[in-house]
Amino acid sequence: MTGAVARRLESIHEKGALSFSELAELLRTTPETVSRWRQGHRDPRPSAEKELLQLDFFIEQLSELYDPPEARQFLYSPQKLLNGQTPAELIIQGKMGDVHRLVNQVRDADYL
């Protein structure tokens, strides 16, 4: 496994305790496509790469607050600040900005 995309996918997988099938769902693609990206057989289209980079940033932020299993649990847990939605649901809907705001609020509350 080589290349920048493959390294990002591996980082998300490790720091977020996410399977590659879950990664595919969050990126609105198929597990086969994620496998091709990991193996360097294909590059993501520009919009998918942008989503991948945003997801990597989000997971990196979570890794500063939680260990990998806790980060995964946070991702799939309903959040009061999201009106009961999960961060994963918002990511799939393309609402990454809302997810980033949530992490900032959680991080700011953690430092109080």
Protein backbone atom coordinates (compact mmCIF):
# COMPACT_ATOMS: atom_id res chain seq x y z
CA MET A 1 0.00 0.00 0.00
CA THR A 2 1.57 3.26 -1.12
CA GLY A 3 0.49 6.72 -2.04
CA ALA A 4 -1.10 9.64 -0.25
CA VAL A 5 -4.67 8.38 -0.65
CA ALA A 6 -3.78 4.95 0.73
CA ARG A 7 -2.03 6.53 3.73
CA ARG A 8 -5.08 8.69 4.47
CA LEU A 9 -7.40 5.68 4.27
CA GLU A 10 -5.15 3.70 6.61
CA SER A 11 -5.00 6.60 9.06
CA ILE A 12 -8.80 6.90 9.15
CA HIS A 13 -9.07 3.12 9.53
CA GLU A 14 -6.67 3.07 12.48
CA LYS A 15 -7.55 6.29 14.33
CA GLY A 16 -11.29 5.87 13.87
CA ALA A 17 -11.44 2.09 14.31
CA LEU A 18 -13.47 1.99 11.10
CA SER A 19 -13.70 -0.90 8.69
CA PHE A 20 -13.06 -0.16 5.05
CA SER A 21 -16.72 -0.96 4.34
CA GLU A 22 -17.74 1.73 6.84
CA LEU A 23 -15.29 4.10 5.20
CA ALA A 24 -16.90 3.39 1.84
CA GLU A 25 -20.34 4.13 3.27
CA LEU A 26 -19.16 7.43 4.77
CA LEU A 27 -17.60 8.40 1.44
CA ARG A 28 -20.72 7.29 -0.47
CA THR A 29 -18.86 4.76 -2.56
CA THR A 30 -18.38 1.01 -2.65
CA PRO A 31 -15.93 -1.12 -0.67
CA GLU A 32 -14.47 -2.22 -4.01
CA THR A 33 -13.70 1.37 -4.93
CA VAL A 34 -12.02 1.99 -1.58
CA SER A 35 -9.98 -1.18 -2.14
CA ARG A 36 -8.83 0.11 -5.55
CA TRP A 37 -7.83 3.42 -3.95
CA ARG A 38 -5.88 1.58 -1.23
CA GLN A 39 -4.04 -0.53 -3.78
CA GLY A 40 -3.24 2.48 -5.96
CA HIS A 41 -5.19 1.07 -8.92
CA ARG A 42 -7.40 4.12 -9.12
CA ASP A 43 -7.50 7.65 -7.75
CA PRO A 44 -10.67 9.11 -6.26
CA ARG A 45 -12.55 11.65 -8.33
CA PRO A 46 -11.86 15.21 -7.09
CA SER A 47 -15.11 15.47 -5.09
CA ALA A 48 -14.46 12.10 -3.40
CA GLU A 49 -10.90 13.11 -2.61
CA LYS A 50 -12.15 16.31 -1.00
CA GLU A 51 -14.57 14.28 1.15
CA LEU A 52 -11.78 11.87 2.06
CA LEU A 53 -9.55 14.72 3.18
CA GLN A 54 -12.36 16.25 5.25
CA LEU A 55 -13.08 12.89 6.86
CA ASP A 56 -9.37 12.44 7.61
CA PHE A 57 -9.30 15.88 9.26
CA PHE A 58 -12.39 15.04 11.34
CA ILE A 59 -10.99 11.69 12.48
CA GLU A 60 -7.67 13.35 13.30
CA GLN A 61 -9.53 15.86 15.51
CA LEU A 62 -11.38 13.02 17.23
CA SER A 63 -8.11 11.17 17.83
CA GLU A 64 -6.96 14.12 19.93
CA LEU A 65 -9.95 13.55 22.24
CA TYR A 66 -10.61 9.80 22.09
CA ASP A 67 -8.88 6.50 21.54
CA PRO A 68 -9.93 4.69 18.33
CA PRO A 69 -12.86 2.65 19.72
CA GLU A 70 -14.24 5.75 21.48
CA ALA A 71 -13.84 7.81 18.30
CA ARG A 72 -15.83 5.20 16.36
CA GLN A 73 -18.51 5.18 19.05
CA PHE A 74 -18.73 8.99 18.93
CA LEU A 75 -19.13 8.86 15.16
CA TYR A 76 -22.11 6.51 15.34
CA SER A 77 -23.78 7.85 18.50
CA PRO A 78 -26.73 10.26 18.41
CA GLN A 79 -25.55 13.68 19.54
CA LYS A 80 -27.65 16.20 21.44
CA LEU A 81 -25.91 19.08 19.65
CA LEU A 82 -26.97 17.50 16.32
CA ASN A 83 -30.62 17.13 17.37
CA GLY A 84 -30.20 13.40 17.86
CA GLN A 85 -28.45 12.72 14.56
CA THR A 86 -25.11 10.96 14.42
CA PRO A 87 -21.99 12.52 12.94
CA ALA A 88 -21.90 9.58 10.49
CA GLU A 89 -25.38 10.47 9.20
CA LEU A 90 -24.33 14.06 8.59
CA ILE A 91 -21.12 13.00 6.86
CA ILE A 92 -23.11 10.77 4.50
CA GLN A 93 -25.45 13.69 3.83
CA GLY A 94 -22.48 15.87 2.91
CA LYS A 95 -22.86 18.12 5.98
CA MET A 96 -19.27 17.96 7.15
CA GLY A 97 -19.37 21.58 8.32
CA ASP A 98 -21.93 20.65 10.99
CA VAL A 99 -19.71 17.78 12.11
CA HIS A 100 -16.64 20.04 12.36
CA ARG A 101 -18.63 22.52 14.47
CA LEU A 102 -19.67 19.70 16.80
CA VAL A 103 -16.08 18.54 17.31
CA ASN A 104 -15.00 22.11 17.99
CA GLN A 105 -17.75 22.46 20.61
CA VAL A 106 -16.77 19.17 22.23
CA ARG A 107 -13.10 20.10 22.20
CA ASP A 108 -13.80 23.57 23.63
CA ALA A 109 -15.96 22.05 26.40
CA ASP A 110 -13.19 19.54 27.16
CA TYR A 111 -10.76 22.38 27.85
CA LEU A 112 -13.08 24.28 30.21
